Amino acid sequence: MGAIKDHPPYASSGYCTPPSAAHVVSGIPGRIVDFFLNWTLVGLIIKHWDSIKSGTVRKAGEMLDWVRGLPGMIAGYFGNFGSMLYDKGRRRVRAVRDRGLD
C-alpha cells in the first residue's frame, strides 16, 4: 500500500495525507449547497425547474386546447337533439289531431 496517485486533494505529495483545516472549512459551504440541492424539496424544485416549467406549460396548453374544443363536443352531443325534439313534437301534434281531443 503506499501511494495514491491522481486522487485530489491528497495527490500533491503522492501519499495519503489528511486534508488541512482550511481545505475542510472552505468545502463546507459547497457541501451545504449540495445537501440542500439534492435532499430537500426546495432543492429538488430548483434542480429540476426547467423540466417542471416545460411540463406545466405543455399540460396547460393541452388543457386550453381541450377547453376550446368543448363547445364542439357539446354541439356534437346535442347536434341532432333539436331535430329530434321537433320530430317528436310533430308526431304528438299529429297523434292528437288524428285521435281528436278526448
PDB file of N, CA and C in Angstrom:
ATOM      1  N   MET A   1       0.870  -1.147   0.000  1.00  0.00           N
ATOM      2  CA  MET A   1       0.000   0.000   0.000  1.00  0.00           C
ATOM      3  C   MET A   1       0.912   1.203   0.000  1.00  0.00           C
ATOM      4  N   GLY A   2       0.616   2.193  -0.455  1.00  0.00           N
ATOM      5  CA  GLY A   2       1.523   3.311  -0.439  1.00  0.00           C
ATOM      6  C   GLY A   2       0.895   4.497  -1.109  1.00  0.00           C
ATOM      7  N   ALA A   3       1.342   4.755  -2.305  1.00  0.00           N
ATOM      8  CA  ALA A   3       0.951   5.980  -2.988  1.00  0.00           C
ATOM      9  C   ALA A   3      -0.453   5.873  -3.569  1.00  0.00           C
ATOM     10  N   ILE A   4      -1.164   6.950  -3.404  1.00  0.00           N
ATOM     11  CA  ILE A   4      -2.449   7.107  -4.081  1.00  0.00           C
ATOM     12  C   ILE A   4      -2.221   8.213  -5.084  1.00  0.00           C
ATOM     13  N   LYS A   5      -2.257   7.834  -6.338  1.00  0.00           N
ATOM     14  CA  LYS A   5      -1.935   8.811  -7.370  1.00  0.00           C
ATOM     15  C   LYS A   5      -3.204   9.314  -8.046  1.00  0.00           C
ATOM     16  N   ASP A   6      -3.163  10.543  -8.501  1.00  0.00           N
ATOM     17  CA  ASP A   6      -4.277  11.182  -9.203  1.00  0.00           C
ATOM     18  C   ASP A   6      -5.564  11.146  -8.392  1.00  0.00           C
ATOM     19  N   HIS A   7      -5.454  11.416  -7.117  1.00  0.00           N
ATOM     20  CA  HIS A   7      -6.618  11.439  -6.250  1.00  0.00           C
ATOM     21  C   HIS A   7      -6.614  12.713  -5.428  1.00  0.00           C
ATOM     22  N   PRO A   8      -7.082  13.822  -5.983  1.00  0.00           N
ATOM     23  CA  PRO A   8      -7.100  15.080  -5.249  1.00  0.00           C
ATOM     24  C   PRO A   8      -7.972  14.974  -4.016  1.00  0.00           C
ATOM     25  N   PRO A   9      -7.782  15.678  -2.968  1.00  0.00           N
ATOM     26  CA  PRO A   9      -6.797  16.723  -2.728  1.00  0.00           C
ATOM     27  C   PRO A   9      -5.492  16.197  -2.154  1.00  0.00           C
ATOM     28  N   TYR A  10      -5.347  14.901  -2.005  1.00  0.00           N
ATOM     29  CA  TYR A  10      -4.180  14.340  -1.337  1.00  0.00           C
ATOM     30  C   TYR A  10      -3.058  13.983  -2.295  1.00  0.00           C
ATOM     31  N   ALA A  11      -3.249  14.156  -3.586  1.00  0.00           N
ATOM     32  CA  ALA A  11      -2.298  13.675  -4.574  1.00  0.00           C
ATOM     33  C   ALA A  11      -1.058  14.547  -4.705  1.00  0.00           C
ATOM     34  N   SER A  12      -1.000  15.662  -4.028  1.00  0.00           N
ATOM     35  CA  SER A  12       0.130  16.557  -4.215  1.00  0.00           C
ATOM     36  C   SER A  12       1.439  15.914  -3.787  1.00  0.00           C
ATOM     37  N   SER A  13       1.448  15.142  -2.719  1.00  0.00           N
ATOM     38  CA  SER A  13       2.694  14.529  -2.278  1.00  0.00           C
ATOM     39  C   SER A  13       2.813  13.096  -2.764  1.00  0.00           C
ATOM     40  N   GLY A  14       1.748  12.537  -3.304  1.00  0.00           N
ATOM     41  CA  GLY A  14       1.797  11.161  -3.763  1.00  0.00           C
ATOM     42  C   GLY A  14       1.389  10.191  -2.680  1.00  0.00           C
ATOM     43  N   TYR A  15       1.268  10.635  -1.456  1.00  0.00           N
ATOM     44  CA  TYR A  15       0.867   9.773  -0.351  1.00  0.00           C
ATOM     45  C   TYR A  15      -0.408  10.319   0.285  1.00  0.00           C
ATOM     46  N   CYS A  16      -1.109   9.471   0.937  1.00  0.00           N
ATOM     47  CA  CYS A  16      -2.355   9.867   1.573  1.00  0.00           C
ATOM     48  C   CYS A  16      -2.048  10.701   2.804  1.00  0.00           C
ATOM     49  N   THR A  17      -2.414  11.970   2.744  1.00  0.00           N
ATOM     50  CA  THR A  17      -2.231  12.858   3.880  1.00  0.00           C
ATOM     51  C   THR A  17      -3.578  13.469   4.221  1.00  0.00           C
ATOM     52  N   PRO A  18      -3.829  13.739   5.460  1.00  0.00           N
ATOM     53  CA  PRO A  18      -5.117  14.316   5.825  1.00  0.00           C
ATOM     54  C   PRO A  18      -5.260  15.727   5.269  1.00  0.00           C
ATOM     55  N   PRO A  19      -6.483  16.125   4.973  1.00  0.00           N
ATOM     56  CA  PRO A  19      -6.681  17.474   4.432  1.00  0.00           C
ATOM     57  C   PRO A  19      -6.428  18.518   5.505  1.00  0.00           C
ATOM     58  N   SER A  20      -6.066  19.689   5.059  1.00  0.00           N
ATOM     59  CA  SER A  20      -5.821  20.776   6.005  1.00  0.00           C
ATOM     60  C   SER A  20      -7.148  21.314   6.521  1.00  0.00           C
ATOM     61  N   ALA A  21      -7.090  22.006   7.640  1.00  0.00           N
ATOM     62  CA  ALA A  21      -8.290  22.589   8.236  1.00  0.00           C
ATOM     63  C   ALA A  21      -8.898  23.617   7.294  1.00  0.00           C
ATOM     64  N   ALA A  22      -8.052  24.374   6.609  1.00  0.00           N
ATOM     65  CA  ALA A  22      -8.552  25.390   5.672  1.00  0.00           C
ATOM     66  C   ALA A  22      -9.310  24.727   4.522  1.00  0.00           C
ATOM     67  N   HIS A  23      -8.814  23.578   4.072  1.00  0.00           N
ATOM     68  CA  HIS A  23      -9.482  22.864   2.987  1.00  0.00           C
ATOM     69  C   HIS A  23     -10.855  22.349   3.436  1.00  0.00           C
ATOM     70  N   VAL A  24     -10.918  21.832   4.665  1.00  0.00           N
ATOM     71  CA  VAL A  24     -12.182  21.315   5.198  1.00  0.00           C
ATOM     72  C   VAL A  24     -13.179  22.460   5.361  1.00  0.00           C
ATOM     73  N   VAL A  25     -12.730  23.560   5.939  1.00  0.00           N
ATOM     74  CA  VAL A  25     -13.620  24.695   6.184  1.00  0.00           C
ATOM     75  C   VAL A  25     -14.090  25.311   4.872  1.00  0.00           C
ATOM     76  N   SER A  26     -13.205  25.412   3.894  1.00  0.00           N
ATOM     77  CA  SER A  26     -13.600  26.019   2.622  1.00  0.00           C
ATOM     78  C   SER A  26     -14.578  25.136   1.855  1.00  0.00           C
ATOM     79  N   GLY A  27     -14.623  23.855   2.152  1.00  0.00           N
ATOM     80  CA  GLY A  27     -15.552  22.957   1.461  1.00  0.00           C
ATOM     81  C   GLY A  27     -16.936  22.889   2.081  1.00  0.00           C
ATOM     82  N   ILE A  28     -17.091  23.452   3.282  1.00  0.00           N
ATOM     83  CA  ILE A  28     -18.375  23.367   3.981  1.00  0.00           C
ATOM     84  C   ILE A  28     -19.508  24.073   3.225  1.00  0.00           C
ATOM     85  N   PRO A  29     -19.344  25.292   2.744  1.00  0.00           N
ATOM     86  CA  PRO A  29     -20.453  25.931   2.018  1.00  0.00           C
ATOM     87  C   PRO A  29     -20.906  25.114   0.796  1.00  0.00           C
ATOM     88  N   GLY A  30     -19.971  24.566   0.070  1.00  0.00           N
ATOM     89  CA  GLY A  30     -20.332  23.741  -1.083  1.00  0.00           C
ATOM     90  C   GLY A  30     -21.106  22.505  -0.676  1.00  0.00           C
ATOM     91  N   ARG A  31     -20.716  21.894   0.440  1.00  0.00           N
ATOM     92  CA  ARG A  31     -21.432  20.712   0.924  1.00  0.00           C
ATOM     93  C   ARG A  31     -22.839  21.072   1.384  1.00  0.00           C
ATOM     94  N   ILE A  32     -22.978  22.230   2.010  1.00  0.00           N
ATOM     95  CA  ILE A  32     -24.312  22.673   2.450  1.00  0.00           C
ATOM     96  C   ILE A  32     -25.211  22.911   1.232  1.00  0.00           C
ATOM     97  N   VAL A  33     -24.685  23.580   0.217  1.00  0.00           N
ATOM     98  CA  VAL A  33     -25.465  23.831  -1.001  1.00  0.00           C
ATOM     99  C   VAL A  33     -25.836  22.508  -1.667  1.00  0.00           C
ATOM    100  N   ASP A  34     -24.876  21.582  -1.766  1.00  0.00           N
ATOM    101  CA  ASP A  34     -25.170  20.269  -2.349  1.00  0.00           C
ATOM    102  C   ASP A  34     -26.248  19.547  -1.564  1.00  0.00           C
ATOM    103  N   PHE A  35     -26.184  19.628  -0.245  1.00  0.00           N
ATOM    104  CA  PHE A  35     -27.200  18.980   0.585  1.00  0.00           C
ATOM    105  C   PHE A  35     -28.576  19.542   0.272  1.00  0.00           C
ATOM    106  N   PHE A  36     -28.687  20.870   0.247  1.00  0.00           N
ATOM    107  CA  PHE A  36     -29.995  21.462   0.011  1.00  0.00           C
ATOM    108  C   PHE A  36     -30.480  21.248  -1.414  1.00  0.00           C
ATOM    109  N   LEU A  37     -29.576  21.186  -2.373  1.00  0.00           N
ATOM    110  CA  LEU A  37     -29.996  20.959  -3.753  1.00  0.00           C
ATOM    111  C   LEU A  37     -30.391  19.509  -3.993  1.00  0.00           C
ATOM    112  N   ASN A  38     -29.836  18.584  -3.262  1.00  0.00           N
ATOM    113  CA  ASN A  38     -30.094  17.170  -3.523  1.00  0.00           C
ATOM    114  C   ASN A  38     -31.099  16.536  -2.576  1.00  0.00           C
ATOM    115  N   TRP A  39     -31.318  17.068  -1.390  1.00  0.00           N
ATOM    116  CA  TRP A  39     -32.103  16.346  -0.403  1.00  0.00           C
ATOM    117  C   TRP A  39     -33.305  17.091   0.164  1.00  0.00           C
ATOM    118  N   THR A  40     -33.596  18.279  -0.302  1.00  0.00           N
ATOM    119  CA  THR A  40     -34.763  18.992   0.212  1.00  0.00           C
ATOM    120  C   THR A  40     -35.723  19.251  -0.938  1.00  0.00           C
ATOM    121  N   LEU A  41     -36.970  19.505  -0.606  1.00  0.00           N
ATOM    122  CA  LEU A  41     -37.982  19.781  -1.621  1.00  0.00           C
ATOM    123  C   LEU A  41     -37.626  21.026  -2.424  1.00  0.00           C
ATOM    124  N   VAL A  42     -37.190  22.063  -1.729  1.00  0.00           N
ATOM    125  CA  VAL A  42     -36.795  23.294  -2.422  1.00  0.00           C
ATOM    126  C   VAL A  42     -35.621  23.023  -3.356  1.00  0.00           C
ATOM    127  N   GLY A  43     -34.665  22.251  -2.881  1.00  0.00           N
ATOM    128  CA  GLY A  43     -33.516  21.919  -3.708  1.00  0.00           C
ATOM    129  C   GLY A  43     -33.898  21.123  -4.938  1.00  0.00           C
ATOM    130  N   LEU A  44     -34.787  20.170  -4.761  1.00  0.00           N
ATOM    131  CA  LEU A  44     -35.237  19.382  -5.911  1.00  0.00           C
ATOM    132  C   LEU A  44     -36.004  20.244  -6.909  1.00  0.00           C
ATOM    133  N   ILE A  45     -36.808  21.174  -6.424  1.00  0.00           N
ATOM    134  CA  ILE A  45     -37.532  22.074  -7.322  1.00  0.00           C
ATOM    135  C   ILE A  45     -36.550  22.948  -8.093  1.00  0.00           C
ATOM    136  N   ILE A  46     -35.562  23.498  -7.390  1.00  0.00           N
ATOM    137  CA  ILE A  46     -34.558  24.340  -8.050  1.00  0.00           C
ATOM    138  C   ILE A  46     -33.788  23.532  -9.084  1.00  0.00           C
ATOM    139  N   LYS A  47     -33.414  22.333  -8.717  1.00  0.00           N
ATOM    140  CA  LYS A  47     -32.604  21.484  -9.598  1.00  0.00           C
ATOM    141  C   LYS A  47     -33.361  21.089 -10.862  1.00  0.00           C
ATOM    142  N   HIS A  48     -34.659  20.865 -10.751  1.00  0.00           N
ATOM    143  CA  HIS A  48     -35.450  20.389 -11.883  1.00  0.00           C
ATOM    144  C   HIS A  48     -36.430  21.439 -12.399  1.00  0.00           C
ATOM    145  N   TRP A  49     -36.153  22.708 -12.163  1.00  0.00           N
ATOM    146  CA  TRP A  49     -37.077  23.770 -12.503  1.00  0.00           C
ATOM    147  C   TRP A  49     -37.419  23.805 -13.987  1.00  0.00           C
ATOM    148  N   ASP A  50     -36.429  23.654 -14.857  1.00  0.00           N
ATOM    149  CA  ASP A  50     -36.692  23.739 -16.300  1.00  0.00           C
ATOM    150  C   ASP A  50     -37.665  22.655 -16.754  1.00  0.00           C
ATOM    151  N   SER A  51     -37.500  21.435 -16.275  1.00  0.00           N
ATOM    152  CA  SER A  51     -38.422  20.376 -16.681  1.00  0.00           C
ATOM    153  C   SER A  51     -39.805  20.574 -16.057  1.00  0.00           C
ATOM    154  N   ILE A  52     -39.862  21.093 -14.842  1.00  0.00           N
ATOM    155  CA  ILE A  52     -41.153  21.389 -14.207  1.00  0.00           C
ATOM    156  C   ILE A  52     -41.883  22.465 -15.008  1.00  0.00           C
ATOM    157  N   LYS A  53     -41.158  23.512 -15.384  1.00  0.00           N
ATOM    158  CA  LYS A  53     -41.762  24.616 -16.119  1.00  0.00           C
ATOM    159  C   LYS A  53     -42.260  24.166 -17.489  1.00  0.00           C
ATOM    160  N   SER A  54     -41.432  23.423 -18.221  1.00  0.00           N
ATOM    161  CA  SER A  54     -41.849  23.000 -19.563  1.00  0.00           C
ATOM    162  C   SER A  54     -43.011  22.019 -19.499  1.00  0.00           C
ATOM    163  N   GLY A  55     -43.031  21.136 -18.497  1.00  0.00           N
ATOM    164  CA  GLY A  55     -44.156  20.215 -18.347  1.00  0.00           C
ATOM    165  C   GLY A  55     -45.441  20.940 -18.001  1.00  0.00           C
ATOM    166  N   THR A  56     -45.345  21.952 -17.160  1.00  0.00           N
ATOM    167  CA  THR A  56     -46.523  22.729 -16.779  1.00  0.00           C
ATOM    168  C   THR A  56     -47.071  23.499 -17.971  1.00  0.00           C
ATOM    169  N   VAL A  57     -46.192  24.102 -18.744  1.00  0.00           N
ATOM    170  CA  VAL A  57     -46.616  24.852 -19.930  1.00  0.00           C
ATOM    171  C   VAL A  57     -47.279  23.914 -20.936  1.00  0.00           C
ATOM    172  N   ARG A  58     -46.698  22.730 -21.122  1.00  0.00           N
ATOM    173  CA  ARG A  58     -47.259  21.760 -22.073  1.00  0.00           C
ATOM    174  C   ARG A  58     -48.653  21.310 -21.638  1.00  0.00           C
ATOM    175  N   LYS A  59     -48.812  20.961 -20.358  1.00  0.00           N
ATOM    176  CA  LYS A  59     -50.113  20.499 -19.857  1.00  0.00           C
ATOM    177  C   LYS A  59     -51.152  21.631 -19.872  1.00  0.00           C
ATOM    178  N   ALA A  60     -50.736  22.853 -19.581  1.00  0.00           N
ATOM    179  CA  ALA A  60     -51.666  23.984 -19.631  1.00  0.00           C
ATOM    180  C   ALA A  60     -52.151  24.202 -21.063  1.00  0.00           C
ATOM    181  N   GLY A  61     -51.262  24.064 -22.025  1.00  0.00           N
ATOM    182  CA  GLY A  61     -51.654  24.173 -23.432  1.00  0.00           C
ATOM    183  C   GLY A  61     -52.636  23.088 -23.833  1.00  0.00           C
ATOM    184  N   GLU A  62     -52.391  21.853 -23.368  1.00  0.00           N
ATOM    185  CA  GLU A  62     -53.318  20.760 -23.659  1.00  0.00           C
ATOM    186  C   GLU A  62     -54.692  21.030 -23.043  1.00  0.00           C
ATOM    187  N   MET A  63     -54.708  21.569 -21.824  1.00  0.00           N
ATOM    188  CA  MET A  63     -55.975  21.877 -21.170  1.00  0.00           C
ATOM    189  C   MET A  63     -56.731  22.969 -21.938  1.00  0.00           C
ATOM    190  N   LEU A  64     -56.014  24.008 -22.373  1.00  0.00           N
ATOM    191  CA  LEU A  64     -56.666  25.075 -23.133  1.00  0.00           C
ATOM    192  C   LEU A  64     -57.216  24.554 -24.453  1.00  0.00           C
ATOM    193  N   ASP A  65     -56.483  23.659 -25.126  1.00  0.00           N
ATOM    194  CA  ASP A  65     -56.988  23.063 -26.360  1.00  0.00           C
ATOM    195  C   ASP A  65     -58.267  22.274 -26.095  1.00  0.00           C
ATOM    196  N   TRP A  66     -58.301  21.540 -24.976  1.00  0.00           N
ATOM    197  CA  TRP A  66     -59.494  20.770 -24.632  1.00  0.00           C
ATOM    198  C   TRP A  66     -60.678  21.693 -24.354  1.00  0.00           C
ATOM    199  N   VAL A  67     -60.422  22.798 -23.608  1.00  0.00           N
ATOM    200  CA  VAL A  67     -61.497  23.749 -23.298  1.00  0.00           C
ATOM    201  C   VAL A  67     -61.995  24.415 -24.575  1.00  0.00           C
ATOM    202  N   ARG A  68     -61.087  24.722 -25.497  1.00  0.00           N
ATOM    203  CA  ARG A  68     -61.508  25.322 -26.771  1.00  0.00           C
ATOM    204  C   ARG A  68     -62.370  24.357 -27.577  1.00  0.00           C
ATOM    205  N   GLY A  69     -62.110  23.084 -27.472  1.00  0.00           N
ATOM    206  CA  GLY A  69     -62.897  22.091 -28.205  1.00  0.00           C
ATOM    207  C   GLY A  69     -64.193  21.716 -27.526  1.00  0.00           C
ATOM    208  N   LEU A  70     -64.386  22.161 -26.292  1.00  0.00           N
ATOM    209  CA  LEU A  70     -65.578  21.800 -25.523  1.00  0.00           C
ATOM    210  C   LEU A  70     -66.886  22.213 -26.196  1.00  0.00           C
ATOM    211  N   PRO A  71     -67.017  23.428 -26.741  1.00  0.00           N
ATOM    212  CA  PRO A  71     -68.273  23.761 -27.427  1.00  0.00           C
ATOM    213  C   PRO A  71     -68.585  22.817 -28.589  1.00  0.00           C
ATOM    214  N   GLY A  72     -67.573  22.430 -29.325  1.00  0.00           N
ATOM    215  CA  GLY A  72     -67.796  21.488 -30.421  1.00  0.00           C
ATOM    216  C   GLY A  72     -68.225  20.114 -29.927  1.00  0.00           C
ATOM    217  N   MET A  73     -67.635  19.683 -28.789  1.00  0.00           N
ATOM    218  CA  MET A  73     -68.046  18.396 -28.220  1.00  0.00           C
ATOM    219  C   MET A  73     -69.495  18.451 -27.757  1.00  0.00           C
ATOM    220  N   ILE A  74     -69.878  19.556 -27.133  1.00  0.00           N
ATOM    221  CA  ILE A  74     -71.253  19.712 -26.659  1.00  0.00           C
ATOM    222  C   ILE A  74     -72.207  19.768 -27.848  1.00  0.00           C
ATOM    223  N   ALA A  75     -71.842  20.521 -28.866  1.00  0.00           N
ATOM    224  CA  ALA A  75     -72.691  20.611 -30.054  1.00  0.00           C
ATOM    225  C   ALA A  75     -72.814  19.248 -30.729  1.00  0.00           C
ATOM    226  N   GLY A  76     -71.729  18.488 -30.751  1.00  0.00           N
ATOM    227  CA  GLY A  76     -71.788  17.146 -31.326  1.00  0.00           C
ATOM    228  C   GLY A  76     -72.686  16.223 -30.532  1.00  0.00           C
ATOM    229  N   TYR A  77     -72.677  16.380 -29.231  1.00  0.00           N
ATOM    230  CA  TYR A  77     -73.510  15.546 -28.376  1.00  0.00           C
ATOM    231  C   TYR A  77     -74.987  15.879 -28.561  1.00  0.00           C
ATOM    232  N   PHE A  78     -75.292  17.174 -28.649  1.00  0.00           N
ATOM    233  CA  PHE A  78     -76.669  17.610 -28.816  1.00  0.00           C
ATOM    234  C   PHE A  78     -76.979  17.985 -30.264  1.00  0.00           C
ATOM    235  N   GLY A  79     -76.145  17.585 -31.190  1.00  0.00           N
ATOM    236  CA  GLY A  79     -76.274  18.010 -32.583  1.00  0.00           C
ATOM    237  C   GLY A  79     -77.629  17.736 -33.190  1.00  0.00           C
ATOM    238  N   ASN A  80     -78.163  16.542 -32.998  1.00  0.00           N
ATOM    239  CA  ASN A  80     -79.451  16.223 -33.596  1.00  0.00           C
ATOM    240  C   ASN A  80     -80.585  16.312 -32.577  1.00  0.00           C
ATOM    241  N   PHE A  81     -80.298  16.866 -31.424  1.00  0.00           N
ATOM    242  CA  PHE A  81     -81.294  16.967 -30.366  1.00  0.00           C
ATOM    243  C   PHE A  81     -82.457  17.871 -30.780  1.00  0.00           C
ATOM    244  N   GLY A  82     -82.146  18.972 -31.446  1.00  0.00           N
ATOM    245  CA  GLY A  82     -83.192  19.899 -31.882  1.00  0.00           C
ATOM    246  C   GLY A  82     -84.123  19.252 -32.892  1.00  0.00           C
ATOM    247  N   SER A  83     -83.564  18.579 -33.884  1.00  0.00           N
ATOM    248  CA  SER A  83     -84.426  17.931 -34.879  1.00  0.00           C
ATOM    249  C   SER A  83     -85.201  16.780 -34.255  1.00  0.00           C
ATOM    250  N   MET A  84     -84.604  16.087 -33.290  1.00  0.00           N
ATOM    251  CA  MET A  84     -85.306  15.018 -32.605  1.00  0.00           C
ATOM    252  C   MET A  84     -86.517  15.578 -31.847  1.00  0.00           C
ATOM    253  N   LEU A  85     -86.320  16.700 -31.122  1.00  0.00           N
ATOM    254  CA  LEU A  85     -87.437  17.315 -30.415  1.00  0.00           C
ATOM    255  C   LEU A  85     -88.522  17.778 -31.385  1.00  0.00           C
ATOM    256  N   TYR A  86     -88.108  18.329 -32.491  1.00  0.00           N
ATOM    257  CA  TYR A  86     -89.065  18.797 -33.489  1.00  0.00           C
ATOM    258  C   TYR A  86     -89.897  17.631 -34.019  1.00  0.00           C
ATOM    259  N   ASP A  87     -89.220  16.523 -34.354  1.00  0.00           N
ATOM    260  CA  ASP A  87     -89.929  15.347 -34.868  1.00  0.00           C
ATOM    261  C   ASP A  87     -90.881  14.766 -33.828  1.00  0.00           C
ATOM    262  N   LYS A  88     -90.432  14.685 -32.570  1.00  0.00           N
ATOM    263  CA  LYS A  88     -91.297  14.158 -31.503  1.00  0.00           C
ATOM    264  C   LYS A  88     -92.521  15.059 -31.316  1.00  0.00           C
ATOM    265  N   GLY A  89     -92.318  16.361 -31.317  1.00  0.00           N
ATOM    266  CA  GLY A  89     -93.431  17.300 -31.169  1.00  0.00           C
ATOM    267  C   GLY A  89     -94.402  17.204 -32.328  1.00  0.00           C
ATOM    268  N   ARG A  90     -93.877  17.076 -33.538  1.00  0.00           N
ATOM    269  CA  ARG A  90     -94.734  16.949 -34.721  1.00  0.00           C
ATOM    270  C   ARG A  90     -95.580  15.682 -34.656  1.00  0.00           C
ATOM    271  N   ARG A  91     -94.964  14.587 -34.185  1.00  0.00           N
ATOM    272  CA  ARG A  91     -95.720  13.334 -34.042  1.00  0.00           C
ATOM    273  C   ARG A  91     -96.825  13.465 -32.992  1.00  0.00           C
ATOM    274  N   ARG A  92     -96.525  14.152 -31.897  1.00  0.00           N
ATOM    275  CA  ARG A  92     -97.540  14.362 -30.849  1.00  0.00           C
ATOM    276  C   ARG A  92     -98.720  15.164 -31.402  1.00  0.00           C
ATOM    277  N   VAL A  93     -98.409  16.225 -32.093  1.00  0.00           N
ATOM    278  CA  VAL A  93     -99.465  17.062 -32.654  1.00  0.00           C
ATOM    279  C   VAL A  93    -100.293  16.250 -33.646  1.00  0.00           C
ATOM    280  N   ARG A  94     -99.625  15.466 -34.479  1.00  0.00           N
ATOM    281  CA  ARG A  94    -100.331  14.641 -35.459  1.00  0.00           C
ATOM    282  C   ARG A  94    -101.206  13.603 -34.755  1.00  0.00           C
ATOM    283  N   ALA A  95    -100.674  12.988 -33.664  1.00  0.00           N
ATOM    284  CA  ALA A  95    -101.457  11.987 -32.932  1.00  0.00           C
ATOM    285  C   ALA A  95    -102.683  12.620 -32.290  1.00  0.00           C
ATOM    286  N   VAL A  96    -102.528  13.784 -31.712  1.00  0.00           N
ATOM    287  CA  VAL A  96    -103.659  14.478 -31.091  1.00  0.00           C
ATOM    288  C   VAL A  96    -104.680  14.857 -32.165  1.00  0.00           C
ATOM    289  N   ARG A  97    -104.207  15.318 -33.294  1.00  0.00           N
ATOM    290  CA  ARG A  97    -105.103  15.733 -34.385  1.00  0.00           C
ATOM    291  C   ARG A  97    -105.864  14.531 -34.944  1.00  0.00           C
ATOM    292  N   ASP A  98    -105.155  13.406 -35.092  1.00  0.00           N
ATOM    293  CA  ASP A  98    -105.800  12.223 -35.652  1.00  0.00           C
ATOM    294  C   ASP A  98    -106.797  11.611 -34.679  1.00  0.00           C
ATOM    295  N   ARG A  99    -106.497  11.573 -33.406  1.00  0.00           N
ATOM    296  CA  ARG A  99    -107.405  10.975 -32.411  1.00  0.00           C
ATOM    297  C   ARG A  99    -108.440  11.972 -31.927  1.00  0.00           C
ATOM    298  N   GLY A 100    -108.154  13.170 -32.072  1.00  0.00           N
ATOM    299  CA  GLY A 100    -109.077  14.174 -31.541  1.00  0.00           C
ATOM    300  C   GLY A 100    -108.755  14.445 -30.087  1.00  0.00           C
ATOM    301  N   LEU A 101    -109.359  15.439 -29.552  1.00  0.00           N
ATOM    302  CA  LEU A 101    -109.144  15.782 -28.149  1.00  0.00           C
ATOM    303  C   LEU A 101    -110.151  15.005 -27.326  1.00  0.00           C
ATOM    304  N   ASP A 102    -109.696  14.034 -26.596  1.00  0.00           N
ATOM    305  CA  ASP A 102    -110.578  13.227 -25.764  1.00  0.00           C
ATOM    306  C   ASP A 102    -110.712  13.769 -24.383  1.00  0.00           C
TER     307      ASP A 102
END
